[in-house]
Amino acid sequence: MSSESIGPLEISCQDVHDLLSRGEPFRFLDCREQDEYDTVHIEGATLFPLSEAQERVAELDDPNEAIVIHCHHGGRSLRLANWLHANGFTDVKSMAGGIDRWAIEIDPEKPRY
């Protein structure tokens, strides 16, 4: 596990990997843009660009569903997690370090950009 401090709305890459490995039910969102997703993505994550979040929030129909969001380095996903939390979503987390940290800690074969 990373020695980096994790905030209350964040989850580590290793913890996300563990959830995926165990088949835990949660919605995994990638809030980057299409071109970034096309460059590299994590299997099982649904593209949900931050730029489209207000228009697409209705797709997240259960405010109690567990949601994990990732982006490139963790900034956009933390913004989206905070916004969702402020709008009534009770179990939302941002993957700290984003897909870049995932490529370092979990899957070194993933390209970094």
PDB file of N, CA and C in Angstrom:
ATOM      1  N   MET A   1       0.839  -1.183   0.000  1.00  0.00           N
ATOM      2  CA  MET A   1       0.000   0.000   0.000  1.00  0.00           C
ATOM      3  C   MET A   1       0.881   1.242   0.000  1.00  0.00           C
ATOM      4  N   SER A   2       0.418   2.260  -0.641  1.00  0.00           N
ATOM      5  CA  SER A   2       1.153   3.515  -0.748  1.00  0.00           C
ATOM      6  C   SER A   2       1.223   4.197   0.611  1.00  0.00           C
ATOM      7  N   SER A   3       2.302   4.920   0.841  1.00  0.00           N
ATOM      8  CA  SER A   3       2.436   5.661   2.088  1.00  0.00           C
ATOM      9  C   SER A   3       1.722   7.007   2.009  1.00  0.00           C
ATOM     10  N   GLU A   4       1.179   7.329   0.832  1.00  0.00           N
ATOM     11  CA  GLU A   4       0.470   8.590   0.642  1.00  0.00           C
ATOM     12  C   GLU A   4      -0.787   8.620   1.505  1.00  0.00           C
ATOM     13  N   SER A   5      -1.089   9.776   2.045  1.00  0.00           N
ATOM     14  CA  SER A   5      -2.286   9.966   2.835  1.00  0.00           C
ATOM     15  C   SER A   5      -3.524   9.861   1.937  1.00  0.00           C
ATOM     16  N   ILE A   6      -4.505   9.111   2.398  1.00  0.00           N
ATOM     17  CA  ILE A   6      -5.745   8.923   1.661  1.00  0.00           C
ATOM     18  C   ILE A   6      -6.846   9.676   2.403  1.00  0.00           C
ATOM     19  N   GLY A   7      -7.592  10.507   1.667  1.00  0.00           N
ATOM     20  CA  GLY A   7      -8.671  11.279   2.270  1.00  0.00           C
ATOM     21  C   GLY A   7      -9.935  10.454   2.467  1.00  0.00           C
ATOM     22  N   PRO A   8     -10.940  11.043   3.129  1.00  0.00           N
ATOM     23  CA  PRO A   8     -12.167  10.310   3.454  1.00  0.00           C
ATOM     24  C   PRO A   8     -12.982   9.862   2.239  1.00  0.00           C
ATOM     25  N   LEU A   9     -12.832  10.533   1.117  1.00  0.00           N
ATOM     26  CA  LEU A   9     -13.551  10.123  -0.090  1.00  0.00           C
ATOM     27  C   LEU A   9     -12.625   9.431  -1.079  1.00  0.00           C
ATOM     28  N   GLU A  10     -11.515   8.878  -0.593  1.00  0.00           N
ATOM     29  CA  GLU A  10     -10.561   8.204  -1.471  1.00  0.00           C
ATOM     30  C   GLU A  10     -10.382   6.749  -1.067  1.00  0.00           C
ATOM     31  N   ILE A  11      -9.947   5.969  -2.051  1.00  0.00           N
ATOM     32  CA  ILE A  11      -9.643   4.552  -1.865  1.00  0.00           C
ATOM     33  C   ILE A  11      -8.348   4.274  -2.624  1.00  0.00           C
ATOM     34  N   SER A  12      -7.517   3.400  -2.108  1.00  0.00           N
ATOM     35  CA  SER A  12      -6.240   3.100  -2.764  1.00  0.00           C
ATOM     36  C   SER A  12      -6.446   2.195  -3.980  1.00  0.00           C
ATOM     37  N   CYS A  13      -5.486   2.241  -4.892  1.00  0.00           N
ATOM     38  CA  CYS A  13      -5.520   1.349  -6.061  1.00  0.00           C
ATOM     39  C   CYS A  13      -5.559  -0.109  -5.624  1.00  0.00           C
ATOM     40  N   GLN A  14      -4.775  -0.438  -4.607  1.00  0.00           N
ATOM     41  CA  GLN A  14      -4.740  -1.821  -4.136  1.00  0.00           C
ATOM     42  C   GLN A  14      -6.100  -2.253  -3.611  1.00  0.00           C
ATOM     43  N   ASP A  15      -6.780  -1.375  -2.890  1.00  0.00           N
ATOM     44  CA  ASP A  15      -8.109  -1.721  -2.386  1.00  0.00           C
ATOM     45  C   ASP A  15      -9.104  -1.905  -3.527  1.00  0.00           C
ATOM     46  N   VAL A  16      -9.016  -1.072  -4.575  1.00  0.00           N
ATOM     47  CA  VAL A  16      -9.886  -1.237  -5.744  1.00  0.00           C
ATOM     48  C   VAL A  16      -9.571  -2.563  -6.432  1.00  0.00           C
ATOM     49  N   HIS A  17      -8.294  -2.860  -6.589  1.00  0.00           N
ATOM     50  CA  HIS A  17      -7.883  -4.130  -7.192  1.00  0.00           C
ATOM     51  C   HIS A  17      -8.447  -5.308  -6.393  1.00  0.00           C
ATOM     52  N   ASP A  18      -8.383  -5.213  -5.074  1.00  0.00           N
ATOM     53  CA  ASP A  18      -8.917  -6.276  -4.220  1.00  0.00           C
ATOM     54  C   ASP A  18     -10.430  -6.436  -4.406  1.00  0.00           C
ATOM     55  N   LEU A  19     -11.156  -5.307  -4.479  1.00  0.00           N
ATOM     56  CA  LEU A  19     -12.605  -5.366  -4.712  1.00  0.00           C
ATOM     57  C   LEU A  19     -12.912  -6.063  -6.039  1.00  0.00           C
ATOM     58  N   LEU A  20     -12.186  -5.687  -7.082  1.00  0.00           N
ATOM     59  CA  LEU A  20     -12.382  -6.309  -8.395  1.00  0.00           C
ATOM     60  C   LEU A  20     -12.053  -7.798  -8.353  1.00  0.00           C
ATOM     61  N   SER A  21     -10.957  -8.146  -7.701  1.00  0.00           N
ATOM     62  CA  SER A  21     -10.526  -9.550  -7.624  1.00  0.00           C
ATOM     63  C   SER A  21     -11.546 -10.418  -6.895  1.00  0.00           C
ATOM     64  N   ARG A  22     -12.180  -9.841  -5.880  1.00  0.00           N
ATOM     65  CA  ARG A  22     -13.177 -10.593  -5.102  1.00  0.00           C
ATOM     66  C   ARG A  22     -14.564 -10.572  -5.749  1.00  0.00           C
ATOM     67  N   GLY A  23     -14.718  -9.778  -6.813  1.00  0.00           N
ATOM     68  CA  GLY A  23     -16.015  -9.682  -7.467  1.00  0.00           C
ATOM     69  C   GLY A  23     -17.042  -8.897  -6.669  1.00  0.00           C
ATOM     70  N   GLU A  24     -16.556  -8.011  -5.809  1.00  0.00           N
ATOM     71  CA  GLU A  24     -17.462  -7.182  -5.006  1.00  0.00           C
ATOM     72  C   GLU A  24     -18.313  -6.311  -5.925  1.00  0.00           C
ATOM     73  N   PRO A  25     -19.582  -6.135  -5.601  1.00  0.00           N
ATOM     74  CA  PRO A  25     -20.443  -5.296  -6.447  1.00  0.00           C
ATOM     75  C   PRO A  25     -20.207  -3.803  -6.192  1.00  0.00           C
ATOM     76  N   PHE A  26     -19.827  -3.103  -7.230  1.00  0.00           N
ATOM     77  CA  PHE A  26     -19.718  -1.646  -7.178  1.00  0.00           C
ATOM     78  C   PHE A  26     -19.679  -1.139  -8.601  1.00  0.00           C
ATOM     79  N   ARG A  27     -20.040   0.121  -8.767  1.00  0.00           N
ATOM     80  CA  ARG A  27     -19.980   0.750 -10.087  1.00  0.00           C
ATOM     81  C   ARG A  27     -18.620   1.425 -10.200  1.00  0.00           C
ATOM     82  N   PHE A  28     -17.879   1.085 -11.256  1.00  0.00           N
ATOM     83  CA  PHE A  28     -16.521   1.587 -11.465  1.00  0.00           C
ATOM     84  C   PHE A  28     -16.560   2.559 -12.640  1.00  0.00           C
ATOM     85  N   LEU A  29     -16.329   3.837 -12.359  1.00  0.00           N
ATOM     86  CA  LEU A  29     -16.427   4.877 -13.375  1.00  0.00           C
ATOM     87  C   LEU A  29     -15.059   5.469 -13.692  1.00  0.00           C
ATOM     88  N   ASP A  30     -14.833   5.717 -14.956  1.00  0.00           N
ATOM     89  CA  ASP A  30     -13.628   6.383 -15.458  1.00  0.00           C
ATOM     90  C   ASP A  30     -14.082   7.764 -15.920  1.00  0.00           C
ATOM     91  N   CYS A  31     -13.679   8.814 -15.194  1.00  0.00           N
ATOM     92  CA  CYS A  31     -14.195  10.150 -15.517  1.00  0.00           C
ATOM     93  C   CYS A  31     -13.272  10.950 -16.432  1.00  0.00           C
ATOM     94  N   ARG A  32     -12.341  10.259 -17.112  1.00  0.00           N
ATOM     95  CA  ARG A  32     -11.496  10.936 -18.096  1.00  0.00           C
ATOM     96  C   ARG A  32     -12.285  11.108 -19.397  1.00  0.00           C
ATOM     97  N   GLU A  33     -11.645  11.690 -20.389  1.00  0.00           N
ATOM     98  CA  GLU A  33     -12.287  11.895 -21.685  1.00  0.00           C
ATOM     99  C   GLU A  33     -12.039  10.684 -22.602  1.00  0.00           C
ATOM    100  N   GLN A  34     -12.808  10.601 -23.676  1.00  0.00           N
ATOM    101  CA  GLN A  34     -12.757   9.456 -24.595  1.00  0.00           C
ATOM    102  C   GLN A  34     -11.342   9.167 -25.100  1.00  0.00           C
ATOM    103  N   ASP A  35     -10.588  10.215 -25.488  1.00  0.00           N
ATOM    104  CA  ASP A  35      -9.247   9.979 -26.027  1.00  0.00           C
ATOM    105  C   ASP A  35      -8.317   9.374 -24.979  1.00  0.00           C
ATOM    106  N   GLU A  36      -8.482   9.772 -23.723  1.00  0.00           N
ATOM    107  CA  GLU A  36      -7.671   9.194 -22.652  1.00  0.00           C
ATOM    108  C   GLU A  36      -8.050   7.728 -22.435  1.00  0.00           C
ATOM    109  N   TYR A  37      -9.342   7.457 -22.440  1.00  0.00           N
ATOM    110  CA  TYR A  37      -9.840   6.097 -22.286  1.00  0.00           C
ATOM    111  C   TYR A  37      -9.320   5.205 -23.414  1.00  0.00           C
ATOM    112  N   ASP A  38      -9.310   5.756 -24.632  1.00  0.00           N
ATOM    113  CA  ASP A  38      -8.815   4.993 -25.778  1.00  0.00           C
ATOM    114  C   ASP A  38      -7.328   4.686 -25.652  1.00  0.00           C
ATOM    115  N   THR A  39      -6.580   5.551 -24.985  1.00  0.00           N
ATOM    116  CA  THR A  39      -5.140   5.335 -24.779  1.00  0.00           C
ATOM    117  C   THR A  39      -4.888   4.186 -23.812  1.00  0.00           C
ATOM    118  N   VAL A  40      -5.623   4.186 -22.703  1.00  0.00           N
ATOM    119  CA  VAL A  40      -5.470   3.142 -21.686  1.00  0.00           C
ATOM    120  C   VAL A  40      -6.701   3.175 -20.785  1.00  0.00           C
ATOM    121  N   HIS A  41      -7.178   2.002 -20.405  1.00  0.00           N
ATOM    122  CA  HIS A  41      -8.284   1.946 -19.459  1.00  0.00           C
ATOM    123  C   HIS A  41      -8.180   0.669 -18.627  1.00  0.00           C
ATOM    124  N   ILE A  42      -8.933   0.659 -17.555  1.00  0.00           N
ATOM    125  CA  ILE A  42      -8.968  -0.488 -16.655  1.00  0.00           C
ATOM    126  C   ILE A  42     -10.207  -1.300 -16.998  1.00  0.00           C
ATOM    127  N   GLU A  43     -10.024  -2.577 -17.213  1.00  0.00           N
ATOM    128  CA  GLU A  43     -11.129  -3.471 -17.534  1.00  0.00           C
ATOM    129  C   GLU A  43     -12.198  -3.375 -16.444  1.00  0.00           C
ATOM    130  N   GLY A  44     -13.424  -3.215 -16.870  1.00  0.00           N
ATOM    131  CA  GLY A  44     -14.536  -3.137 -15.930  1.00  0.00           C
ATOM    132  C   GLY A  44     -14.982  -1.719 -15.614  1.00  0.00           C
ATOM    133  N   ALA A  45     -14.167  -0.728 -15.975  1.00  0.00           N
ATOM    134  CA  ALA A  45     -14.549   0.661 -15.728  1.00  0.00           C
ATOM    135  C   ALA A  45     -15.381   1.188 -16.895  1.00  0.00           C
ATOM    136  N   THR A  46     -16.420   1.935 -16.569  1.00  0.00           N
ATOM    137  CA  THR A  46     -17.306   2.547 -17.560  1.00  0.00           C
ATOM    138  C   THR A  46     -16.894   3.992 -17.763  1.00  0.00           C
ATOM    139  N   LEU A  47     -16.750   4.393 -19.006  1.00  0.00           N
ATOM    140  CA  LEU A  47     -16.404   5.784 -19.299  1.00  0.00           C
ATOM    141  C   LEU A  47     -17.577   6.685 -18.909  1.00  0.00           C
ATOM    142  N   PHE A  48     -17.303   7.673 -18.067  1.00  0.00           N
ATOM    143  CA  PHE A  48     -18.288   8.613 -17.542  1.00  0.00           C
ATOM    144  C   PHE A  48     -17.571   9.950 -17.384  1.00  0.00           C
ATOM    145  N   PRO A  49     -17.290  10.627 -18.516  1.00  0.00           N
ATOM    146  CA  PRO A  49     -16.463  11.833 -18.463  1.00  0.00           C
ATOM    147  C   PRO A  49     -16.991  12.894 -17.505  1.00  0.00           C
ATOM    148  N   LEU A  50     -16.088  13.488 -16.753  1.00  0.00           N
ATOM    149  CA  LEU A  50     -16.451  14.566 -15.846  1.00  0.00           C
ATOM    150  C   LEU A  50     -17.202  15.658 -16.594  1.00  0.00           C
ATOM    151  N   SER A  51     -16.795  15.922 -17.838  1.00  0.00           N
ATOM    152  CA  SER A  51     -17.433  16.970 -18.639  1.00  0.00           C
ATOM    153  C   SER A  51     -18.901  16.670 -18.959  1.00  0.00           C
ATOM    154  N   GLU A  52     -19.328  15.426 -18.782  1.00  0.00           N
ATOM    155  CA  GLU A  52     -20.709  15.025 -19.069  1.00  0.00           C
ATOM    156  C   GLU A  52     -21.486  14.645 -17.805  1.00  0.00           C
ATOM    157  N   ALA A  53     -20.871  14.789 -16.645  1.00  0.00           N
ATOM    158  CA  ALA A  53     -21.455  14.272 -15.403  1.00  0.00           C
ATOM    159  C   ALA A  53     -22.840  14.838 -15.104  1.00  0.00           C
ATOM    160  N   GLN A  54     -23.022  16.145 -15.246  1.00  0.00           N
ATOM    161  CA  GLN A  54     -24.325  16.723 -14.928  1.00  0.00           C
ATOM    162  C   GLN A  54     -25.422  16.174 -15.834  1.00  0.00           C
ATOM    163  N   GLU A  55     -25.091  15.955 -17.111  1.00  0.00           N
ATOM    164  CA  GLU A  55     -26.074  15.422 -18.041  1.00  0.00           C
ATOM    165  C   GLU A  55     -26.333  13.927 -17.820  1.00  0.00           C
ATOM    166  N   ARG A  56     -25.362  13.211 -17.275  1.00  0.00           N
ATOM    167  CA  ARG A  56     -25.472  11.756 -17.171  1.00  0.00           C
ATOM    168  C   ARG A  56     -25.749  11.247 -15.765  1.00  0.00           C
ATOM    169  N   VAL A  57     -25.861  12.139 -14.787  1.00  0.00           N
ATOM    170  CA  VAL A  57     -26.019  11.697 -13.399  1.00  0.00           C
ATOM    171  C   VAL A  57     -27.252  10.813 -13.208  1.00  0.00           C
ATOM    172  N   ALA A  58     -28.279  10.982 -14.030  1.00  0.00           N
ATOM    173  CA  ALA A  58     -29.473  10.143 -13.914  1.00  0.00           C
ATOM    174  C   ALA A  58     -29.176   8.670 -14.160  1.00  0.00           C
ATOM    175  N   GLU A  59     -28.071   8.369 -14.858  1.00  0.00           N
ATOM    176  CA  GLU A  59     -27.661   6.978 -15.074  1.00  0.00           C
ATOM    177  C   GLU A  59     -27.295   6.304 -13.755  1.00  0.00           C
ATOM    178  N   LEU A  60     -26.929   7.113 -12.780  1.00  0.00           N
ATOM    179  CA  LEU A  60     -26.580   6.608 -11.450  1.00  0.00           C
ATOM    180  C   LEU A  60     -27.857   6.654 -10.623  1.00  0.00           C
ATOM    181  N   ASP A  61     -28.699   5.648 -10.817  1.00  0.00           N
ATOM    182  CA  ASP A  61     -30.058   5.698 -10.295  1.00  0.00           C
ATOM    183  C   ASP A  61     -30.214   5.287  -8.839  1.00  0.00           C
ATOM    184  N   ASP A  62     -29.169   4.755  -8.219  1.00  0.00           N
ATOM    185  CA  ASP A  62     -29.257   4.340  -6.817  1.00  0.00           C
ATOM    186  C   ASP A  62     -28.235   5.127  -6.003  1.00  0.00           C
ATOM    187  N   PRO A  63     -28.669   6.103  -5.222  1.00  0.00           N
ATOM    188  CA  PRO A  63     -27.719   6.926  -4.466  1.00  0.00           C
ATOM    189  C   PRO A  63     -26.984   6.162  -3.362  1.00  0.00           C
ATOM    190  N   ASN A  64     -27.407   4.930  -3.087  1.00  0.00           N
ATOM    191  CA  ASN A  64     -26.733   4.120  -2.069  1.00  0.00           C
ATOM    192  C   ASN A  64     -25.792   3.080  -2.674  1.00  0.00           C
ATOM    193  N   GLU A  65     -25.733   3.014  -4.007  1.00  0.00           N
ATOM    194  CA  GLU A  65     -24.838   2.071  -4.673  1.00  0.00           C
ATOM    195  C   GLU A  65     -23.386   2.457  -4.421  1.00  0.00           C
ATOM    196  N   ALA A  66     -22.530   1.472  -4.223  1.00  0.00           N
ATOM    197  CA  ALA A  66     -21.098   1.737  -4.076  1.00  0.00           C
ATOM    198  C   ALA A  66     -20.536   2.158  -5.430  1.00  0.00           C
ATOM    199  N   ILE A  67     -19.847   3.305  -5.449  1.00  0.00           N
ATOM    200  CA  ILE A  67     -19.272   3.854  -6.673  1.00  0.00           C
ATOM    201  C   ILE A  67     -17.811   4.168  -6.416  1.00  0.00           C
ATOM    202  N   VAL A  68     -16.948   3.724  -7.332  1.00  0.00           N
ATOM    203  CA  VAL A  68     -15.533   4.100  -7.319  1.00  0.00           C
ATOM    204  C   VAL A  68     -15.249   4.796  -8.641  1.00  0.00           C
ATOM    205  N   ILE A  69     -14.584   5.950  -8.556  1.00  0.00           N
ATOM    206  CA  ILE A  69     -14.288   6.755  -9.736  1.00  0.00           C
ATOM    207  C   ILE A  69     -12.781   6.890  -9.873  1.00  0.00           C
ATOM    208  N   HIS A  70     -12.290   6.826 -11.107  1.00  0.00           N
ATOM    209  CA  HIS A  70     -10.874   7.102 -11.325  1.00  0.00           C
ATOM    210  C   HIS A  70     -10.698   8.046 -12.497  1.00  0.00           C
ATOM    211  N   CYS A  71      -9.541   8.697 -12.526  1.00  0.00           N
ATOM    212  CA  CYS A  71      -9.157   9.559 -13.645  1.00  0.00           C
ATOM    213  C   CYS A  71      -7.672   9.310 -13.910  1.00  0.00           C
ATOM    214  N   HIS A  72      -6.953  10.316 -14.362  1.00  0.00           N
ATOM    215  CA  HIS A  72      -5.542  10.143 -14.674  1.00  0.00           C
ATOM    216  C   HIS A  72      -4.686  10.098 -13.403  1.00  0.00           C
ATOM    217  N   HIS A  73      -4.787  11.140 -12.567  1.00  0.00           N
ATOM    218  CA  HIS A  73      -3.980  11.209 -11.348  1.00  0.00           C
ATOM    219  C   HIS A  73      -4.796  11.300 -10.063  1.00  0.00           C
ATOM    220  N   GLY A  74      -6.101  11.445 -10.160  1.00  0.00           N
ATOM    221  CA  GLY A  74      -6.951  11.473  -8.974  1.00  0.00           C
ATOM    222  C   GLY A  74      -7.657  12.790  -8.699  1.00  0.00           C
ATOM    223  N   GLY A  75      -7.310  13.855  -9.394  1.00  0.00           N
ATOM    224  CA  GLY A  75      -7.929  15.155  -9.152  1.00  0.00           C
ATOM    225  C   GLY A  75      -9.366  15.253  -9.641  1.00  0.00           C
ATOM    226  N   ARG A  76      -9.589  14.890 -10.897  1.00  0.00           N
ATOM    227  CA  ARG A  76     -10.944  14.959 -11.455  1.00  0.00           C
ATOM    228  C   ARG A  76     -11.885  13.989 -10.742  1.00  0.00           C
ATOM    229  N   SER A  77     -11.385  12.797 -10.470  1.00  0.00           N
ATOM    230  CA  SER A  77     -12.255  11.812  -9.815  1.00  0.00           C
ATOM    231  C   SER A  77     -12.622  12.261  -8.399  1.00  0.00           C
ATOM    232  N   LEU A  78     -11.708  12.935  -7.706  1.00  0.00           N
ATOM    233  CA  LEU A  78     -12.020  13.438  -6.377  1.00  0.00           C
ATOM    234  C   LEU A  78     -13.049  14.569  -6.467  1.00  0.00           C
ATOM    235  N   ARG A  79     -12.934  15.418  -7.485  1.00  0.00           N
ATOM    236  CA  ARG A  79     -13.943  16.466  -7.693  1.00  0.00           C
ATOM    237  C   ARG A  79     -15.314  15.840  -7.930  1.00  0.00           C
ATOM    238  N   LEU A  80     -15.370  14.817  -8.792  1.00  0.00           N
ATOM    239  CA  LEU A  80     -16.644  14.161  -9.084  1.00  0.00           C
ATOM    240  C   LEU A  80     -17.176  13.445  -7.841  1.00  0.00           C
ATOM    241  N   ALA A  81     -16.325  12.792  -7.092  1.00  0.00           N
ATOM    242  CA  ALA A  81     -16.754  12.119  -5.861  1.00  0.00           C
ATOM    243  C   ALA A  81     -17.341  13.131  -4.876  1.00  0.00           C
ATOM    244  N   ASN A  82     -16.695  14.264  -4.716  1.00  0.00           N
ATOM    245  CA  ASN A  82     -17.206  15.309  -3.823  1.00  0.00           C
ATOM    246  C   ASN A  82     -18.555  15.827  -4.310  1.00  0.00           C
ATOM    247  N   TRP A  83     -18.692  16.044  -5.616  1.00  0.00           N
ATOM    248  CA  TRP A  83     -19.942  16.542  -6.187  1.00  0.00           C
ATOM    249  C   TRP A  83     -21.070  15.531  -5.987  1.00  0.00           C
ATOM    250  N   LEU A  84     -20.784  14.261  -6.270  1.00  0.00           N
ATOM    251  CA  LEU A  84     -21.808  13.231  -6.077  1.00  0.00           C
ATOM    252  C   LEU A  84     -22.203  13.127  -4.606  1.00  0.00           C
ATOM    253  N   HIS A  85     -21.201  13.164  -3.729  1.00  0.00           N
ATOM    254  CA  HIS A  85     -21.470  13.086  -2.292  1.00  0.00           C
ATOM    255  C   HIS A  85     -22.353  14.259  -1.852  1.00  0.00           C
ATOM    256  N   ALA A  86     -22.051  15.445  -2.341  1.00  0.00           N
ATOM    257  CA  ALA A  86     -22.844  16.634  -2.005  1.00  0.00           C
ATOM    258  C   ALA A  86     -24.262  16.547  -2.571  1.00  0.00           C
ATOM    259  N   ASN A  87     -24.456  15.689  -3.577  1.00  0.00           N
ATOM    260  CA  ASN A  87     -25.763  15.528  -4.198  1.00  0.00           C
ATOM    261  C   ASN A  87     -26.462  14.237  -3.766  1.00  0.00           C
ATOM    262  N   GLY A  88     -26.089  13.727  -2.604  1.00  0.00           N
ATOM    263  CA  GLY A  88     -26.844  12.644  -1.994  1.00  0.00           C
ATOM    264  C   GLY A  88     -26.336  11.238  -2.188  1.00  0.00           C
ATOM    265  N   PHE A  89     -25.222  11.064  -2.882  1.00  0.00           N
ATOM    266  CA  PHE A  89     -24.661   9.723  -3.043  1.00  0.00           C
ATOM    267  C   PHE A  89     -23.870   9.379  -1.790  1.00  0.00           C
ATOM    268  N   THR A  90     -24.197   8.238  -1.188  1.00  0.00           N
ATOM    269  CA  THR A  90     -23.684   7.931   0.143  1.00  0.00           C
ATOM    270  C   THR A  90     -22.416   7.078   0.170  1.00  0.00           C
ATOM    271  N   ASP A  91     -22.112   6.376  -0.916  1.00  0.00           N
ATOM    272  CA  ASP A  91     -20.974   5.445  -0.910  1.00  0.00           C
ATOM    273  C   ASP A  91     -20.140   5.651  -2.166  1.00  0.00           C
ATOM    274  N   VAL A  92     -19.475   6.787  -2.252  1.00  0.00           N
ATOM    275  CA  VAL A  92     -18.688   7.131  -3.436  1.00  0.00           C
ATOM    276  C   VAL A  92     -17.245   7.410  -3.023  1.00  0.00           C
ATOM    277  N   LYS A  93     -16.302   6.868  -3.805  1.00  0.00           N
ATOM    278  CA  LYS A  93     -14.876   7.030  -3.530  1.00  0.00           C
ATOM    279  C   LYS A  93     -14.124   7.352  -4.816  1.00  0.00           C
ATOM    280  N   SER A  94     -13.056   8.104  -4.664  1.00  0.00           N
ATOM    281  CA  SER A  94     -12.121   8.408  -5.748  1.00  0.00           C
ATOM    282  C   SER A  94     -10.896   7.527  -5.571  1.00  0.00           C
ATOM    283  N   MET A  95     -10.440   6.908  -6.653  1.00  0.00           N
ATOM    284  CA  MET A  95      -9.238   6.080  -6.584  1.00  0.00           C
ATOM    285  C   MET A  95      -8.005   6.987  -6.544  1.00  0.00           C
ATOM    286  N   ALA A  96      -7.352   7.032  -5.412  1.00  0.00           N
ATOM    287  CA  ALA A  96      -6.194   7.904  -5.215  1.00  0.00           C
ATOM    288  C   ALA A  96      -5.083   7.564  -6.203  1.00  0.00           C
ATOM    289  N   GLY A  97      -4.563   8.588  -6.861  1.00  0.00           N
ATOM    290  CA  GLY A  97      -3.470   8.398  -7.806  1.00  0.00           C
ATOM    291  C   GLY A  97      -3.898   8.049  -9.212  1.00  0.00           C
ATOM    292  N   GLY A  98      -5.173   7.705  -9.391  1.00  0.00           N
ATOM    293  CA  GLY A  98      -5.721   7.436 -10.708  1.00  0.00           C
ATOM    294  C   GLY A  98      -5.069   6.276 -11.449  1.00  0.00           C
ATOM    295  N   ILE A  99      -5.321   6.260 -12.749  1.00  0.00           N
ATOM    296  CA  ILE A  99      -4.815   5.173 -13.583  1.00  0.00           C
ATOM    297  C   ILE A  99      -3.287   5.203 -13.675  1.00  0.00           C
ATOM    298  N   ASP A 100      -2.695   6.370 -13.449  1.00  0.00           N
ATOM    299  CA  ASP A 100      -1.236   6.433 -13.460  1.00  0.00           C
ATOM    300  C   ASP A 100      -0.663   5.621 -12.303  1.00  0.00           C
ATOM    301  N   ARG A 101      -1.207   5.777 -11.111  1.00  0.00           N
ATOM    302  CA  ARG A 101      -0.749   4.978  -9.965  1.00  0.00           C
ATOM    303  C   ARG A 101      -1.087   3.509 -10.185  1.00  0.00           C
ATOM    304  N   TRP A 102      -2.246   3.225 -10.791  1.00  0.00           N
ATOM    305  CA  TRP A 102      -2.635   1.842 -11.093  1.00  0.00           C
ATOM    306  C   TRP A 102      -1.552   1.190 -11.959  1.00  0.00           C
ATOM    307  N   ALA A 103      -1.069   1.926 -12.977  1.00  0.00           N
ATOM    308  CA  ALA A 103      -0.038   1.396 -13.871  1.00  0.00           C
ATOM    309  C   ALA A 103       1.271   1.149 -13.125  1.00  0.00           C
ATOM    310  N   ILE A 104       1.541   1.922 -12.108  1.00  0.00           N
ATOM    311  CA  ILE A 104       2.769   1.748 -11.323  1.00  0.00           C
ATOM    312  C   ILE A 104       2.624   0.593 -10.339  1.00  0.00           C
ATOM    313  N   GLU A 105       1.524   0.566  -9.608  1.00  0.00           N
ATOM    314  CA  GLU A 105       1.376  -0.374  -8.490  1.00  0.00           C
ATOM    315  C   GLU A 105       0.713  -1.703  -8.850  1.00  0.00           C
ATOM    316  N   ILE A 106      -0.206  -1.689  -9.815  1.00  0.00           N
ATOM    317  CA  ILE A 106      -1.031  -2.877 -10.069  1.00  0.00           C
ATOM    318  C   ILE A 106      -0.701  -3.547 -11.398  1.00  0.00           C
ATOM    319  N   ASP A 107      -0.636  -2.768 -12.466  1.00  0.00           N
ATOM    320  CA  ASP A 107      -0.469  -3.339 -13.808  1.00  0.00           C
ATOM    321  C   ASP A 107       0.581  -2.563 -14.593  1.00  0.00           C
ATOM    322  N   PRO A 108       1.872  -2.869 -14.372  1.00  0.00           N
ATOM    323  CA  PRO A 108       2.964  -2.127 -15.040  1.00  0.00           C
ATOM    324  C   PRO A 108       2.967  -2.242 -16.556  1.00  0.00           C
ATOM    325  N   GLU A 109       2.172  -3.131 -17.129  1.00  0.00           N
ATOM    326  CA  GLU A 109       2.106  -3.239 -18.582  1.00  0.00           C
ATOM    327  C   GLU A 109       1.185  -2.189 -19.197  1.00  0.00           C
ATOM    328  N   LYS A 110       0.394  -1.530 -18.356  1.00  0.00           N
ATOM    329  CA  LYS A 110      -0.465  -0.446 -18.864  1.00  0.00           C
ATOM    330  C   LYS A 110       0.400   0.734 -19.261  1.00  0.00           C
ATOM    331  N   PRO A 111       0.123   1.345 -20.416  1.00  0.00           N
ATOM    332  CA  PRO A 111       0.886   2.522 -20.807  1.00  0.00           C
ATOM    333  C   PRO A 111       0.594   3.704 -19.884  1.00  0.00           C
ATOM    334  N   ARG A 112       1.618   4.504 -19.644  1.00  0.00           N
ATOM    335  CA  ARG A 112       1.471   5.736 -18.860  1.00  0.00           C
ATOM    336  C   ARG A 112       1.603   6.911 -19.801  1.00  0.00           C
ATOM    337  N   TYR A 113       0.878   7.964 -19.522  1.00  0.00           N
ATOM    338  CA  TYR A 113       0.928   9.150 -20.361  1.00  0.00           C
ATOM    339  C   TYR A 113       0.954  10.395 -19.496  1.00  0.00           C
TER     340      TYR A 113
END
